[in-house]
Amino acid sequence: MDSISLKVPVAIKAKLTEKLRKNISDDLTQKIQQVTLALQQLDIEEKRVIQEEAQGNLQALQAIRQHFAAERQQREAFKADAEQKLSDIGKLALGAEIAQGQLERQVEVKVGDDFSSVMNVEILLEDGKVIAIRS
């Protein structure tokens, strides 16, 4: 066997522009607002469930509170992460390259090929347009 076909990762990066910063900031702000509403709804739901289900049953009350505490903690962690990302994006200089994700590509690798050049490929975008393909 002299060659093989492989799927290899391709890093997608974007050059930070005012347009991209605004899009990312708007998206994060929307997610923060959604999780804030979800936390409020969770509080209301917890009170309702406690009133309906746990009347006089201390064990059930404890289980319900633990369940809602875990849900609240998960959503608060997500919110804190989004708020940190929002703060970070505001501090980045225009032109900075930020990771946007990863795709896969199919390559044919032959005996004698430089494997590092096959593996280390990235695409750089600026406002949704490809401006560079690096290897």
Protein backbone atom coordinates (compact mmCIF):
# COMPACT_ATOMS: atom_id res chain seq x y z
CA MET A 1 0.00 0.00 0.00
CA ASP A 2 1.57 3.29 -1.15
CA SER A 3 -1.19 5.70 -0.13
CA ILE A 4 -4.17 6.07 2.15
CA SER A 5 -7.12 8.44 2.34
CA LEU A 6 -7.56 10.20 5.69
CA LYS A 7 -9.94 12.69 7.28
CA VAL A 8 -7.90 15.43 8.92
CA PRO A 9 -8.97 18.49 10.92
CA VAL A 10 -8.99 22.01 9.49
CA ALA A 11 -8.99 24.85 12.01
CA ILE A 12 -11.29 27.75 11.18
CA LYS A 13 -10.18 31.15 12.46
CA ALA A 14 -11.65 34.60 11.97
CA LYS A 15 -9.94 37.96 11.88
CA LEU A 16 -11.65 40.20 14.41
CA THR A 17 -13.45 43.12 12.79
CA GLU A 18 -15.98 45.55 14.25
CA LYS A 19 -18.74 43.61 12.45
CA LEU A 20 -17.62 40.28 13.93
CA ARG A 21 -17.18 41.80 17.40
CA LYS A 22 -20.73 43.19 17.24
CA ASN A 23 -22.16 39.85 16.03
CA ILE A 24 -20.41 37.90 18.78
CA SER A 25 -21.36 40.47 21.44
CA ASP A 26 -25.00 40.50 20.32
CA ASP A 27 -25.14 36.69 20.35
CA LEU A 28 -23.60 36.47 23.82
CA THR A 29 -25.89 39.20 25.17
CA GLN A 30 -28.91 37.34 23.83
CA LYS A 31 -27.74 34.08 25.43
CA ILE A 32 -27.19 35.85 28.77
CA GLN A 33 -30.71 37.29 28.63
CA GLN A 34 -32.17 33.86 27.78
CA VAL A 35 -30.39 32.13 30.65
CA THR A 36 -31.44 34.93 33.04
CA LEU A 37 -35.07 34.31 32.06
CA ALA A 38 -34.54 30.57 32.41
CA LEU A 39 -33.20 31.08 35.94
CA GLN A 40 -36.27 33.13 36.85
CA GLN A 41 -38.54 30.44 35.43
CA LEU A 42 -36.60 27.79 37.33
CA ASP A 43 -37.23 29.64 40.60
CA ILE A 44 -40.96 29.82 39.86
CA GLU A 45 -41.07 26.15 38.90
CA GLU A 46 -39.19 25.14 42.05
CA LYS A 47 -41.68 26.97 44.27
CA ARG A 48 -44.60 25.40 42.42
CA VAL A 49 -43.19 21.87 42.65
CA ILE A 50 -42.36 22.25 46.33
CA GLN A 51 -45.91 23.38 47.08
CA GLU A 52 -47.46 20.51 45.08
CA GLU A 53 -45.17 17.58 45.78
CA ALA A 54 -43.43 17.99 49.09
CA GLN A 55 -46.20 18.70 51.54
CA GLY A 56 -45.00 17.12 54.76
CA ASN A 57 -42.48 14.83 53.07
CA LEU A 58 -39.06 16.06 54.16
CA GLN A 59 -37.16 13.55 52.01
CA ALA A 60 -39.02 14.58 48.86
CA LEU A 61 -38.46 18.24 49.70
CA GLN A 62 -34.72 17.68 50.00
CA ALA A 63 -34.56 15.78 46.67
CA ILE A 64 -36.51 18.52 44.89
CA ARG A 65 -34.24 21.24 46.26
CA GLN A 66 -31.12 19.30 45.25
CA HIS A 67 -32.47 18.82 41.72
CA PHE A 68 -33.26 22.51 41.29
CA ALA A 69 -29.95 23.56 42.87
CA ALA A 70 -28.06 21.44 40.33
CA GLU A 71 -30.08 22.93 37.46
CA ARG A 72 -29.51 26.45 38.78
CA GLN A 73 -25.78 25.86 39.19
CA GLN A 74 -25.46 24.58 35.61
CA ARG A 75 -27.27 27.62 34.18
CA GLU A 76 -25.34 30.07 36.35
CA ALA A 77 -22.05 28.53 35.19
CA PHE A 78 -23.16 28.94 31.57
CA LYS A 79 -24.13 32.57 32.25
CA ALA A 80 -20.79 33.32 33.96
CA ASP A 81 -18.92 31.77 31.02
CA ALA A 82 -20.91 33.85 28.51
CA GLU A 83 -20.30 37.02 30.53
CA GLN A 84 -16.55 36.27 30.61
CA LYS A 85 -16.49 35.71 26.84
CA LEU A 86 -18.38 38.99 26.33
CA SER A 87 -15.79 40.78 28.45
CA ASP A 88 -12.92 39.09 26.60
CA ILE A 89 -14.23 39.94 23.12
CA GLY A 90 -14.42 43.59 24.11
CA LYS A 91 -10.75 43.58 25.11
CA LEU A 92 -9.39 41.95 21.94
CA ALA A 93 -7.65 44.18 19.40
CA LEU A 94 -9.06 44.46 15.91
CA GLY A 95 -7.23 42.07 13.60
CA ALA A 96 -6.74 39.43 16.28
CA GLU A 97 -7.41 35.90 15.10
CA ILE A 98 -10.03 34.00 17.06
CA ALA A 99 -10.96 30.33 16.78
CA GLN A 100 -14.33 29.77 15.15
CA GLY A 101 -14.42 25.99 15.00
CA GLN A 102 -13.10 23.01 13.15
CA LEU A 103 -14.01 21.09 10.02
CA GLU A 104 -12.64 17.96 8.42
CA ARG A 105 -11.17 17.42 4.99
CA GLN A 106 -10.29 14.32 3.03
CA VAL A 107 -6.63 13.97 1.99
CA GLU A 108 -4.61 11.36 0.18
CA VAL A 109 -1.36 10.63 2.01
CA LYS A 110 1.43 8.90 0.12
CA VAL A 111 4.68 7.36 1.26
CA GLY A 112 7.21 10.19 1.60
CA ASP A 113 4.67 12.98 2.23
CA ASP A 114 5.35 15.54 4.98
CA PHE A 115 2.67 14.56 7.49
CA SER A 116 2.85 17.79 9.51
CA SER A 117 1.89 19.82 6.42
CA VAL A 118 -1.14 17.58 5.94
CA MET A 119 -2.26 17.93 9.56
CA ASN A 120 -1.66 21.63 10.27
CA VAL A 121 -4.09 23.38 7.94
CA GLU A 122 -6.20 26.36 8.86
CA ILE A 123 -8.57 28.71 7.08
CA LEU A 124 -8.66 32.40 7.99
CA LEU A 125 -11.89 34.34 7.46
CA GLU A 126 -12.62 38.05 7.45
CA ASP A 127 -16.31 38.97 7.62
CA GLY A 128 -17.27 35.54 6.29
CA LYS A 129 -14.83 35.53 3.36
CA VAL A 130 -11.79 33.28 3.10
CA ILE A 131 -8.67 35.45 3.09
CA ALA A 132 -6.02 32.78 3.68
CA ILE A 133 -5.49 29.02 3.72
CA ARG A 134 -2.43 28.12 5.74
CA SER A 135 -0.55 24.90 6.12
